[in-house]
Amino acid sequence: MYRLKGKVAIITGGASGFREATTRLFVRHGAKVIIADVQDQKGIALCNDITSSTNDCDNSSILYGHCNVTDDTDVNNHVDKAISKYGKLDIMFNNAGIAGNACSSLV
């Protein structure tokens, strides 16, 4: 049942959509998850919901951090946070969406 036990993951955009479902699934399978998202209220609410439903009183299985994936410093800070808190990083689930006009050609 705990296929991800002992693994540490960062999920970009993990506060909503299918990424929220992924966050819940990873925690359910034993992973320590850091949600990296710009949706602060949703990210904090998700952490609180997961913490209360898993009896994780010390909040060790789920963390939220504000992260704009278009800013390398934000992303690097989350990697550093994972390593500092858990000693490693096993999984980067990179699925944050970026709004705006998409480039229609490759150069």
Protein backbone atom coordinates (compact mmCIF):
# COMPACT_ATOMS: atom_id res chain seq x y z
CA MET A 1 0.00 0.00 0.00
CA TYR A 2 2.84 2.44 0.72
CA ARG A 3 4.55 2.39 -2.67
CA LEU A 4 6.26 5.74 -2.04
CA LYS A 5 7.23 5.23 1.61
CA GLY A 6 10.41 7.12 2.38
CA LYS A 7 10.34 9.12 -0.86
CA VAL A 8 10.41 12.93 -0.94
CA ALA A 9 8.58 14.78 -3.71
CA ILE A 10 8.03 18.33 -4.89
CA ILE A 11 4.84 18.83 -6.89
CA THR A 12 4.70 22.09 -8.80
CA GLY A 13 1.18 23.40 -9.17
CA GLY A 14 0.14 20.83 -6.57
CA ALA A 15 -2.60 22.90 -4.96
CA SER A 16 -5.33 22.26 -7.53
CA GLY A 17 -6.55 20.18 -10.42
CA PHE A 18 -5.10 16.78 -11.19
CA ARG A 19 -1.93 17.91 -9.40
CA GLU A 20 -3.95 18.14 -6.16
CA ALA A 21 -5.09 14.57 -6.76
CA THR A 22 -1.45 13.60 -7.31
CA THR A 23 -0.48 15.32 -4.04
CA ARG A 24 -3.13 13.35 -2.16
CA LEU A 25 -2.11 10.09 -3.85
CA PHE A 26 1.60 10.57 -3.11
CA VAL A 27 0.89 11.26 0.59
CA ARG A 28 -1.50 8.31 0.77
CA HIS A 29 1.30 6.12 -0.56
CA GLY A 30 3.74 7.34 2.08
CA ALA A 31 5.68 10.13 0.38
CA LYS A 32 6.72 13.38 2.01
CA VAL A 33 5.38 16.09 -0.32
CA ILE A 34 6.17 19.75 -0.77
CA ILE A 35 3.53 21.60 -2.77
CA ALA A 36 5.13 24.38 -4.82
CA ASP A 37 2.42 26.69 -6.13
CA VAL A 38 1.33 30.33 -6.41
CA GLN A 39 -2.16 29.55 -5.09
CA ASP A 40 -1.38 30.19 -1.43
CA GLN A 41 -4.90 29.79 -0.01
CA LYS A 42 -5.53 26.55 -1.90
CA GLY A 43 -2.10 25.15 -1.02
CA ILE A 44 -2.46 25.90 2.68
CA ALA A 45 -6.03 24.55 2.74
CA LEU A 46 -4.87 21.34 1.04
CA CYS A 47 -2.07 20.89 3.56
CA ASN A 48 -4.49 21.42 6.43
CA ASP A 49 -6.99 18.97 4.93
CA ILE A 50 -4.36 16.27 4.38
CA THR A 51 -2.86 16.84 7.83
CA SER A 52 -6.23 16.50 9.55
CA SER A 53 -7.29 13.44 7.55
CA THR A 54 -4.03 11.56 8.14
CA ASN A 55 -3.56 12.48 11.82
CA ASP A 56 -0.20 13.99 10.86
CA CYS A 57 0.03 16.24 13.92
CA ASP A 58 3.58 17.43 13.28
CA ASN A 59 2.81 18.17 9.60
CA SER A 60 5.79 16.08 8.49
CA SER A 61 4.22 14.50 5.41
CA ILE A 62 3.00 17.64 3.63
CA LEU A 63 4.30 21.20 3.29
CA TYR A 64 3.29 24.16 1.18
CA GLY A 65 5.56 26.84 -0.21
CA HIS A 66 4.80 29.73 -2.52
CA CYS A 67 6.65 29.08 -5.77
CA ASN A 68 6.53 30.78 -9.14
CA VAL A 69 8.01 28.22 -11.53
CA THR A 70 9.09 30.97 -13.92
CA ASP A 71 11.56 32.10 -11.23
CA ASP A 72 14.60 29.81 -10.97
CA THR A 73 15.32 31.08 -7.47
CA ASP A 74 11.87 29.99 -6.23
CA VAL A 75 12.35 26.51 -7.67
CA ASN A 76 15.88 26.20 -6.28
CA ASN A 77 14.64 27.30 -2.85
CA HIS A 78 12.10 24.48 -2.84
CA VAL A 79 14.74 21.93 -3.75
CA ASP A 80 16.89 23.30 -0.92
CA LYS A 81 13.88 23.14 1.43
CA ALA A 82 13.30 19.46 0.61
CA ILE A 83 16.93 18.57 1.19
CA SER A 84 17.13 20.63 4.37
CA LYS A 85 13.93 19.19 5.89
CA TYR A 86 14.10 15.60 4.65
CA GLY A 87 17.74 15.09 3.64
CA LYS A 88 16.98 14.30 0.01
CA LEU A 89 14.72 14.79 -3.00
CA ASP A 90 13.53 11.76 -4.95
CA ILE A 91 10.74 13.05 -7.18
CA MET A 92 10.09 16.29 -9.07
CA PHE A 93 6.55 16.28 -10.46
CA ASN A 94 6.67 19.35 -12.72
CA ASN A 95 3.20 20.24 -13.92
CA ALA A 96 2.55 23.86 -13.03
CA GLY A 97 0.77 25.76 -15.75
CA ILE A 98 2.01 29.10 -17.02
CA ALA A 99 -0.62 31.53 -18.28
CA GLY A 100 -0.08 33.69 -21.33
CA ASN A 101 0.58 33.39 -25.02
CA ALA A 102 2.32 30.23 -26.04
CA CYS A 103 5.12 30.48 -28.56
CA SER A 104 3.86 28.93 -31.78
CA SER A 105 7.27 28.08 -33.20
CA LEU A 106 10.44 26.45 -32.07
CA VAL A 107 13.70 28.20 -32.80
